[in-house]
């Protein structure tokens, strides 16, 4: 497991809080592991809840019709990079 950056650690905390992941601590989330299916095991409902939490925390929308969502939501690292690139200054 590669270490989390500060941005990834903050996002991991938001992920665990907003999705009520009881058996997972933020530091246990591998930034390069898949968020869905075999990785963290999230589903489409989790993606919607996470997108809502991200919009509240970071101040921009993750649109459901974005063609890049598969890439954006691949891992904690890819999601964190997308947030860092798109959040308002």
PDB file of N, CA and C in Angstrom:
ATOM      1  N   UNK A   1       0.855  -1.187   0.000  1.00  0.00           N
ATOM      2  CA  UNK A   1       0.000   0.000   0.000  1.00  0.00           C
ATOM      3  C   UNK A   1       0.892   1.239   0.000  1.00  0.00           C
ATOM      4  N   UNK A   2       0.620   2.145  -0.901  1.00  0.00           N
ATOM      5  CA  UNK A   2       1.391   3.383  -0.924  1.00  0.00           C
ATOM      6  C   UNK A   2       0.794   4.373   0.080  1.00  0.00           C
ATOM      7  N   UNK A   3       1.624   5.275   0.602  1.00  0.00           N
ATOM      8  CA  UNK A   3       1.117   6.221   1.604  1.00  0.00           C
ATOM      9  C   UNK A   3       0.138   7.223   1.000  1.00  0.00           C
ATOM     10  N   UNK A   4      -0.793   7.672   1.831  1.00  0.00           N
ATOM     11  CA  UNK A   4      -1.762   8.687   1.408  1.00  0.00           C
ATOM     12  C   UNK A   4      -1.135  10.068   1.504  1.00  0.00           C
ATOM     13  N   UNK A   5      -1.469  10.932   0.543  1.00  0.00           N
ATOM     14  CA  UNK A   5      -1.087  12.339   0.641  1.00  0.00           C
ATOM     15  C   UNK A   5      -2.038  12.997   1.642  1.00  0.00           C
ATOM     16  N   UNK A   6      -1.746  14.210   2.110  1.00  0.00           N
ATOM     17  CA  UNK A   6      -2.687  14.895   3.007  1.00  0.00           C
ATOM     18  C   UNK A   6      -4.077  15.059   2.380  1.00  0.00           C
ATOM     19  N   UNK A   7      -4.144  15.357   1.088  1.00  0.00           N
ATOM     20  CA  UNK A   7      -5.450  15.495   0.417  1.00  0.00           C
ATOM     21  C   UNK A   7      -6.195  14.171   0.396  1.00  0.00           C
ATOM     22  N   UNK A   8      -5.466  13.083   0.126  1.00  0.00           N
ATOM     23  CA  UNK A   8      -6.093  11.760   0.104  1.00  0.00           C
ATOM     24  C   UNK A   8      -6.567  11.353   1.489  1.00  0.00           C
ATOM     25  N   UNK A   9      -5.793  11.687   2.518  1.00  0.00           N
ATOM     26  CA  UNK A   9      -6.183  11.352   3.883  1.00  0.00           C
ATOM     27  C   UNK A   9      -7.464  12.084   4.271  1.00  0.00           C
ATOM     28  N   UNK A  10      -7.575  13.365   3.902  1.00  0.00           N
ATOM     29  CA  UNK A  10      -8.795  14.132   4.193  1.00  0.00           C
ATOM     30  C   UNK A  10      -9.985  13.547   3.444  1.00  0.00           C
ATOM     31  N   UNK A  11      -9.775  13.154   2.194  1.00  0.00           N
ATOM     32  CA  UNK A  11     -10.850  12.560   1.407  1.00  0.00           C
ATOM     33  C   UNK A  11     -11.237  11.186   1.958  1.00  0.00           C
ATOM     34  N   UNK A  12     -10.262  10.406   2.400  1.00  0.00           N
ATOM     35  CA  UNK A  12     -10.550   9.093   2.999  1.00  0.00           C
ATOM     36  C   UNK A  12     -11.414   9.262   4.244  1.00  0.00           C
ATOM     37  N   UNK A  13     -11.128  10.292   5.037  1.00  0.00           N
ATOM     38  CA  UNK A  13     -11.924  10.568   6.224  1.00  0.00           C
ATOM     39  C   UNK A  13     -13.359  10.926   5.842  1.00  0.00           C
ATOM     40  N   UNK A  14     -13.515  11.764   4.827  1.00  0.00           N
ATOM     41  CA  UNK A  14     -14.844  12.135   4.338  1.00  0.00           C
ATOM     42  C   UNK A  14     -15.586  10.896   3.826  1.00  0.00           C
ATOM     43  N   UNK A  15     -14.885  10.043   3.125  1.00  0.00           N
ATOM     44  CA  UNK A  15     -15.477   8.831   2.572  1.00  0.00           C
ATOM     45  C   UNK A  15     -16.000   7.927   3.688  1.00  0.00           C
ATOM     46  N   UNK A  16     -15.186   7.682   4.697  1.00  0.00           N
ATOM     47  CA  UNK A  16     -15.585   6.814   5.804  1.00  0.00           C
ATOM     48  C   UNK A  16     -16.758   7.431   6.570  1.00  0.00           C
ATOM     49  N   UNK A  17     -16.699   8.754   6.828  1.00  0.00           N
ATOM     50  CA  UNK A  17     -17.778   9.437   7.557  1.00  0.00           C
ATOM     51  C   UNK A  17     -19.083   9.443   6.767  1.00  0.00           C
ATOM     52  N   UNK A  18     -19.020   9.864   5.499  1.00  0.00           N
ATOM     53  CA  UNK A  18     -20.248  10.059   4.732  1.00  0.00           C
ATOM     54  C   UNK A  18     -20.916   8.740   4.370  1.00  0.00           C
ATOM     55  N   UNK A  19     -20.151   7.665   4.269  1.00  0.00           N
ATOM     56  CA  UNK A  19     -20.723   6.370   3.905  1.00  0.00           C
ATOM     57  C   UNK A  19     -20.896   5.446   5.106  1.00  0.00           C
ATOM     58  N   UNK A  20     -20.586   5.956   6.304  1.00  0.00           N
ATOM     59  CA  UNK A  20     -20.715   5.169   7.537  1.00  0.00           C
ATOM     60  C   UNK A  20     -20.041   3.806   7.416  1.00  0.00           C
ATOM     61  N   UNK A  21     -18.801   3.804   6.957  1.00  0.00           N
ATOM     62  CA  UNK A  21     -18.043   2.555   6.828  1.00  0.00           C
ATOM     63  C   UNK A  21     -17.527   2.163   8.207  1.00  0.00           C
ATOM     64  N   UNK A  22     -18.211   1.214   8.842  1.00  0.00           N
ATOM     65  CA  UNK A  22     -17.903   0.886  10.236  1.00  0.00           C
ATOM     66  C   UNK A  22     -16.642   0.060  10.401  1.00  0.00           C
ATOM     67  N   UNK A  23     -16.314  -0.767   9.429  1.00  0.00           N
ATOM     68  CA  UNK A  23     -15.172  -1.666   9.574  1.00  0.00           C
ATOM     69  C   UNK A  23     -13.912  -1.147   8.895  1.00  0.00           C
ATOM     70  N   UNK A  24     -13.921   0.127   8.502  1.00  0.00           N
ATOM     71  CA  UNK A  24     -12.793   0.696   7.777  1.00  0.00           C
ATOM     72  C   UNK A  24     -12.378   2.009   8.430  1.00  0.00           C
ATOM     73  N   UNK A  25     -11.079   2.167   8.651  1.00  0.00           N
ATOM     74  CA  UNK A  25     -10.577   3.462   9.104  1.00  0.00           C
ATOM     75  C   UNK A  25      -9.991   4.175   7.886  1.00  0.00           C
ATOM     76  N   UNK A  26      -9.991   5.511   7.897  1.00  0.00           N
ATOM     77  CA  UNK A  26      -9.456   6.236   6.745  1.00  0.00           C
ATOM     78  C   UNK A  26      -8.043   5.815   6.367  1.00  0.00           C
ATOM     79  N   UNK A  27      -7.204   5.544   7.344  1.00  0.00           N
ATOM     80  CA  UNK A  27      -5.814   5.185   7.057  1.00  0.00           C
ATOM     81  C   UNK A  27      -5.676   3.799   6.418  1.00  0.00           C
ATOM     82  N   UNK A  28      -6.721   2.968   6.503  1.00  0.00           N
ATOM     83  CA  UNK A  28      -6.681   1.633   5.901  1.00  0.00           C
ATOM     84  C   UNK A  28      -6.965   1.658   4.402  1.00  0.00           C
ATOM     85  N   UNK A  29      -7.451   2.777   3.881  1.00  0.00           N
ATOM     86  CA  UNK A  29      -7.821   2.836   2.473  1.00  0.00           C
ATOM     87  C   UNK A  29      -6.572   3.059   1.627  1.00  0.00           C
ATOM     88  N   UNK A  30      -6.260   2.077   0.805  1.00  0.00           N
ATOM     89  CA  UNK A  30      -5.114   2.172  -0.105  1.00  0.00           C
ATOM     90  C   UNK A  30      -5.475   3.182  -1.187  1.00  0.00           C
ATOM     91  N   UNK A  31      -4.679   4.252  -1.358  1.00  0.00           N
ATOM     92  CA  UNK A  31      -5.039   5.288  -2.328  1.00  0.00           C
ATOM     93  C   UNK A  31      -5.099   4.789  -3.768  1.00  0.00           C
ATOM     94  N   UNK A  32      -4.474   3.646  -4.046  1.00  0.00           N
ATOM     95  CA  UNK A  32      -4.472   3.141  -5.413  1.00  0.00           C
ATOM     96  C   UNK A  32      -5.426   1.971  -5.623  1.00  0.00           C
ATOM     97  N   UNK A  33      -6.066   1.500  -4.557  1.00  0.00           N
ATOM     98  CA  UNK A  33      -6.999   0.370  -4.671  1.00  0.00           C
ATOM     99  C   UNK A  33      -8.328   0.851  -5.262  1.00  0.00           C
ATOM    100  N   UNK A  34      -9.025  -0.024  -5.979  1.00  0.00           N
ATOM    101  CA  UNK A  34     -10.332   0.356  -6.534  1.00  0.00           C
ATOM    102  C   UNK A  34     -11.315   0.712  -5.417  1.00  0.00           C
ATOM    103  N   UNK A  35     -12.158   1.706  -5.671  1.00  0.00           N
ATOM    104  CA  UNK A  35     -13.190   2.060  -4.700  1.00  0.00           C
ATOM    105  C   UNK A  35     -14.397   1.131  -4.820  1.00  0.00           C
ATOM    106  N   UNK A  36     -14.612   0.583  -6.006  1.00  0.00           N
ATOM    107  CA  UNK A  36     -15.796  -0.233  -6.244  1.00  0.00           C
ATOM    108  C   UNK A  36     -15.431  -1.704  -6.413  1.00  0.00           C
ATOM    109  N   UNK A  37     -16.441  -2.552  -6.354  1.00  0.00           N
ATOM    110  CA  UNK A  37     -16.304  -3.994  -6.566  1.00  0.00           C
ATOM    111  C   UNK A  37     -15.265  -4.607  -5.633  1.00  0.00           C
ATOM    112  N   UNK A  38     -14.198  -5.172  -6.199  1.00  0.00           N
ATOM    113  CA  UNK A  38     -13.236  -5.933  -5.395  1.00  0.00           C
ATOM    114  C   UNK A  38     -12.441  -5.083  -4.412  1.00  0.00           C
ATOM    115  N   UNK A  39     -12.356  -3.791  -4.663  1.00  0.00           N
ATOM    116  CA  UNK A  39     -11.580  -2.931  -3.777  1.00  0.00           C
ATOM    117  C   UNK A  39     -12.319  -2.662  -2.484  1.00  0.00           C
ATOM    118  N   UNK A  40     -12.774  -1.434  -2.316  1.00  0.00           N
ATOM    119  CA  UNK A  40     -13.478  -1.040  -1.104  1.00  0.00           C
ATOM    120  C   UNK A  40     -14.914  -1.564  -1.095  1.00  0.00           C
ATOM    121  N   UNK A  41     -15.420  -1.961  -2.254  1.00  0.00           N
ATOM    122  CA  UNK A  41     -16.747  -2.566  -2.318  1.00  0.00           C
ATOM    123  C   UNK A  41     -17.892  -1.578  -2.366  1.00  0.00           C
ATOM    124  N   UNK A  42     -17.632  -0.361  -2.810  1.00  0.00           N
ATOM    125  CA  UNK A  42     -18.700   0.625  -2.903  1.00  0.00           C
ATOM    126  C   UNK A  42     -19.616   0.294  -4.071  1.00  0.00           C
ATOM    127  N   UNK A  43     -20.846   0.871  -4.031  1.00  0.00           N
ATOM    128  CA  UNK A  43     -21.785   0.670  -5.130  1.00  0.00           C
ATOM    129  C   UNK A  43     -22.271   2.027  -5.637  1.00  0.00           C
ATOM    130  N   UNK A  44     -23.210   2.018  -6.565  1.00  0.00           N
ATOM    131  CA  UNK A  44     -23.660   3.267  -7.196  1.00  0.00           C
ATOM    132  C   UNK A  44     -24.331   4.209  -6.199  1.00  0.00           C
ATOM    133  N   UNK A  45     -25.031   3.677  -5.213  1.00  0.00           N
ATOM    134  CA  UNK A  45     -25.646   4.527  -4.178  1.00  0.00           C
ATOM    135  C   UNK A  45     -24.552   5.226  -3.375  1.00  0.00           C
ATOM    136  N   UNK A  46     -23.498   4.475  -3.044  1.00  0.00           N
ATOM    137  CA  UNK A  46     -22.360   5.070  -2.330  1.00  0.00           C
ATOM    138  C   UNK A  46     -21.741   6.194  -3.157  1.00  0.00           C
ATOM    139  N   UNK A  47     -21.644   5.992  -4.469  1.00  0.00           N
ATOM    140  CA  UNK A  47     -21.066   7.018  -5.343  1.00  0.00           C
ATOM    141  C   UNK A  47     -21.886   8.296  -5.284  1.00  0.00           C
ATOM    142  N   UNK A  48     -23.207   8.165  -5.274  1.00  0.00           N
ATOM    143  CA  UNK A  48     -24.078   9.349  -5.184  1.00  0.00           C
ATOM    144  C   UNK A  48     -23.893  10.061  -3.852  1.00  0.00           C
ATOM    145  N   UNK A  49     -23.862   9.300  -2.771  1.00  0.00           N
ATOM    146  CA  UNK A  49     -23.678   9.898  -1.442  1.00  0.00           C
ATOM    147  C   UNK A  49     -22.315  10.570  -1.334  1.00  0.00           C
ATOM    148  N   UNK A  50     -21.302   9.927  -1.884  1.00  0.00           N
ATOM    149  CA  UNK A  50     -19.957  10.496  -1.841  1.00  0.00           C
ATOM    150  C   UNK A  50     -19.881  11.772  -2.671  1.00  0.00           C
ATOM    151  N   UNK A  51     -20.506  11.775  -3.841  1.00  0.00           N
ATOM    152  CA  UNK A  51     -20.518  12.966  -4.695  1.00  0.00           C
ATOM    153  C   UNK A  51     -21.194  14.133  -3.966  1.00  0.00           C
ATOM    154  N   UNK A  52     -22.274  13.857  -3.240  1.00  0.00           N
ATOM    155  CA  UNK A  52     -22.977  14.889  -2.474  1.00  0.00           C
ATOM    156  C   UNK A  52     -22.080  15.424  -1.351  1.00  0.00           C
ATOM    157  N   UNK A  53     -21.421  14.529  -0.645  1.00  0.00           N
ATOM    158  CA  UNK A  53     -20.520  14.946   0.442  1.00  0.00           C
ATOM    159  C   UNK A  53     -19.361  15.779  -0.106  1.00  0.00           C
ATOM    160  N   UNK A  54     -18.841  15.395  -1.267  1.00  0.00           N
ATOM    161  CA  UNK A  54     -17.741  16.142  -1.887  1.00  0.00           C
ATOM    162  C   UNK A  54     -18.214  17.534  -2.283  1.00  0.00           C
ATOM    163  N   UNK A  55     -19.418  17.640  -2.845  1.00  0.00           N
ATOM    164  CA  UNK A  55     -19.916  18.958  -3.258  1.00  0.00           C
ATOM    165  C   UNK A  55     -20.107  19.871  -2.047  1.00  0.00           C
ATOM    166  N   UNK A  56     -20.557  19.312  -0.931  1.00  0.00           N
ATOM    167  CA  UNK A  56     -20.733  20.117   0.288  1.00  0.00           C
ATOM    168  C   UNK A  56     -19.380  20.547   0.855  1.00  0.00           C
ATOM    169  N   UNK A  57     -18.422  19.640   0.882  1.00  0.00           N
ATOM    170  CA  UNK A  57     -17.122  19.925   1.493  1.00  0.00           C
ATOM    171  C   UNK A  57     -16.232  20.782   0.606  1.00  0.00           C
ATOM    172  N   UNK A  58     -16.201  20.481  -0.704  1.00  0.00           N
ATOM    173  CA  UNK A  58     -15.226  21.122  -1.584  1.00  0.00           C
ATOM    174  C   UNK A  58     -15.815  22.186  -2.500  1.00  0.00           C
ATOM    175  N   UNK A  59     -17.140  22.306  -2.538  1.00  0.00           N
ATOM    176  CA  UNK A  59     -17.752  23.416  -3.246  1.00  0.00           C
ATOM    177  C   UNK A  59     -17.851  23.304  -4.751  1.00  0.00           C
ATOM    178  N   UNK A  60     -17.872  22.085  -5.280  1.00  0.00           N
ATOM    179  CA  UNK A  60     -18.139  21.924  -6.705  1.00  0.00           C
ATOM    180  C   UNK A  60     -18.857  20.601  -6.935  1.00  0.00           C
ATOM    181  N   UNK A  61     -19.580  20.518  -8.044  1.00  0.00           N
ATOM    182  CA  UNK A  61     -20.413  19.354  -8.340  1.00  0.00           C
ATOM    183  C   UNK A  61     -19.652  18.288  -9.122  1.00  0.00           C
ATOM    184  N   UNK A  62     -19.868  17.049  -8.743  1.00  0.00           N
ATOM    185  CA  UNK A  62     -19.445  15.908  -9.559  1.00  0.00           C
ATOM    186  C   UNK A  62     -20.698  15.470 -10.302  1.00  0.00           C
ATOM    187  N   UNK A  63     -20.740  15.708 -11.571  1.00  0.00           N
ATOM    188  CA  UNK A  63     -21.946  15.450 -12.350  1.00  0.00           C
ATOM    189  C   UNK A  63     -22.071  13.976 -12.729  1.00  0.00           C
ATOM    190  N   UNK A  64     -23.283  13.452 -12.594  1.00  0.00           N
ATOM    191  CA  UNK A  64     -23.508  12.041 -12.909  1.00  0.00           C
ATOM    192  C   UNK A  64     -23.367  11.734 -14.389  1.00  0.00           C
ATOM    193  N   UNK A  65     -23.504  12.761 -15.233  1.00  0.00           N
ATOM    194  CA  UNK A  65     -23.406  12.522 -16.674  1.00  0.00           C
ATOM    195  C   UNK A  65     -21.994  12.766 -17.222  1.00  0.00           C
ATOM    196  N   UNK A  66     -21.017  12.933 -16.342  1.00  0.00           N
ATOM    197  CA  UNK A  66     -19.635  13.153 -16.774  1.00  0.00           C
ATOM    198  C   UNK A  66     -19.059  11.839 -17.307  1.00  0.00           C
ATOM    199  N   UNK A  67     -18.589  11.871 -18.535  1.00  0.00           N
ATOM    200  CA  UNK A  67     -18.034  10.665 -19.165  1.00  0.00           C
ATOM    201  C   UNK A  67     -16.785  10.159 -18.451  1.00  0.00           C
ATOM    202  N   UNK A  68     -16.138  11.009 -17.688  1.00  0.00           N
ATOM    203  CA  UNK A  68     -14.899  10.626 -17.003  1.00  0.00           C
ATOM    204  C   UNK A  68     -15.129  10.024 -15.616  1.00  0.00           C
ATOM    205  N   UNK A  69     -16.391   9.856 -15.195  1.00  0.00           N
ATOM    206  CA  UNK A  69     -16.655   9.376 -13.839  1.00  0.00           C
ATOM    207  C   UNK A  69     -15.986   8.045 -13.531  1.00  0.00           C
ATOM    208  N   UNK A  70     -15.957   7.136 -14.501  1.00  0.00           N
ATOM    209  CA  UNK A  70     -15.292   5.844 -14.259  1.00  0.00           C
ATOM    210  C   UNK A  70     -13.830   6.056 -13.878  1.00  0.00           C
ATOM    211  N   UNK A  71     -13.171   6.955 -14.595  1.00  0.00           N
ATOM    212  CA  UNK A  71     -11.764   7.236 -14.299  1.00  0.00           C
ATOM    213  C   UNK A  71     -11.641   8.005 -12.984  1.00  0.00           C
ATOM    214  N   UNK A  72     -12.502   9.005 -12.790  1.00  0.00           N
ATOM    215  CA  UNK A  72     -12.446   9.838 -11.587  1.00  0.00           C
ATOM    216  C   UNK A  72     -12.631   8.994 -10.327  1.00  0.00           C
ATOM    217  N   UNK A  73     -13.610   8.081 -10.356  1.00  0.00           N
ATOM    218  CA  UNK A  73     -13.938   7.268  -9.175  1.00  0.00           C
ATOM    219  C   UNK A  73     -13.174   5.942  -9.128  1.00  0.00           C
ATOM    220  N   UNK A  74     -12.108   5.811  -9.907  1.00  0.00           N
ATOM    221  CA  UNK A  74     -11.350   4.561  -9.917  1.00  0.00           C
ATOM    222  C   UNK A  74     -10.765   4.248  -8.551  1.00  0.00           C
ATOM    223  N   UNK A  75     -10.151   5.252  -7.931  1.00  0.00           N
ATOM    224  CA  UNK A  75      -9.457   5.039  -6.660  1.00  0.00           C
ATOM    225  C   UNK A  75      -9.495   6.322  -5.843  1.00  0.00           C
ATOM    226  N   UNK A  76      -9.095   6.217  -4.610  1.00  0.00           N
ATOM    227  CA  UNK A  76      -8.980   7.398  -3.747  1.00  0.00           C
ATOM    228  C   UNK A  76      -8.025   8.406  -4.382  1.00  0.00           C
ATOM    229  N   UNK A  77      -6.932   7.919  -4.962  1.00  0.00           N
ATOM    230  CA  UNK A  77      -5.928   8.801  -5.565  1.00  0.00           C
ATOM    231  C   UNK A  77      -6.508   9.562  -6.755  1.00  0.00           C
ATOM    232  N   UNK A  78      -7.234   8.877  -7.640  1.00  0.00           N
ATOM    233  CA  UNK A  78      -7.788   9.554  -8.820  1.00  0.00           C
ATOM    234  C   UNK A  78      -8.881  10.539  -8.430  1.00  0.00           C
ATOM    235  N   UNK A  79      -9.683  10.187  -7.440  1.00  0.00           N
ATOM    236  CA  UNK A  79     -10.740  11.088  -6.975  1.00  0.00           C
ATOM    237  C   UNK A  79     -10.135  12.319  -6.308  1.00  0.00           C
ATOM    238  N   UNK A  80      -9.116  12.124  -5.496  1.00  0.00           N
ATOM    239  CA  UNK A  80      -8.442  13.235  -4.827  1.00  0.00           C
ATOM    240  C   UNK A  80      -7.795  14.173  -5.844  1.00  0.00           C
ATOM    241  N   UNK A  81      -7.163  13.609  -6.868  1.00  0.00           N
ATOM    242  CA  UNK A  81      -6.528  14.426  -7.913  1.00  0.00           C
ATOM    243  C   UNK A  81      -7.575  15.262  -8.654  1.00  0.00           C
ATOM    244  N   UNK A  82      -8.734  14.652  -8.926  1.00  0.00           N
ATOM    245  CA  UNK A  82      -9.807  15.377  -9.616  1.00  0.00           C
ATOM    246  C   UNK A  82     -10.319  16.529  -8.744  1.00  0.00           C
ATOM    247  N   UNK A  83     -10.490  16.276  -7.455  1.00  0.00           N
ATOM    248  CA  UNK A  83     -10.958  17.324  -6.536  1.00  0.00           C
ATOM    249  C   UNK A  83      -9.935  18.459  -6.485  1.00  0.00           C
ATOM    250  N   UNK A  84      -8.656  18.118  -6.333  1.00  0.00           N
ATOM    251  CA  UNK A  84      -7.609  19.138  -6.251  1.00  0.00           C
ATOM    252  C   UNK A  84      -7.578  19.991  -7.524  1.00  0.00           C
ATOM    253  N   UNK A  85      -7.836  19.375  -8.667  1.00  0.00           N
ATOM    254  CA  UNK A  85      -7.793  20.096  -9.943  1.00  0.00           C
ATOM    255  C   UNK A  85      -9.028  20.965 -10.183  1.00  0.00           C
ATOM    256  N   UNK A  86     -10.129  20.663  -9.489  1.00  0.00           N
ATOM    257  CA  UNK A  86     -11.392  21.335  -9.800  1.00  0.00           C
ATOM    258  C   UNK A  86     -12.008  22.166  -8.683  1.00  0.00           C
ATOM    259  N   UNK A  87     -11.517  22.036  -7.459  1.00  0.00           N
ATOM    260  CA  UNK A  87     -12.137  22.803  -6.383  1.00  0.00           C
ATOM    261  C   UNK A  87     -11.823  24.288  -6.543  1.00  0.00           C
ATOM    262  N   UNK A  88     -12.763  25.135  -6.126  1.00  0.00           N
ATOM    263  CA  UNK A  88     -12.540  26.579  -6.221  1.00  0.00           C
ATOM    264  C   UNK A  88     -11.350  26.987  -5.350  1.00  0.00           C
ATOM    265  N   UNK A  89     -10.622  27.958  -5.798  1.00  0.00           N
ATOM    266  CA  UNK A  89      -9.424  28.409  -5.070  1.00  0.00           C
ATOM    267  C   UNK A  89      -9.781  29.074  -3.759  1.00  0.00           C
TER     268      UNK A  89
END
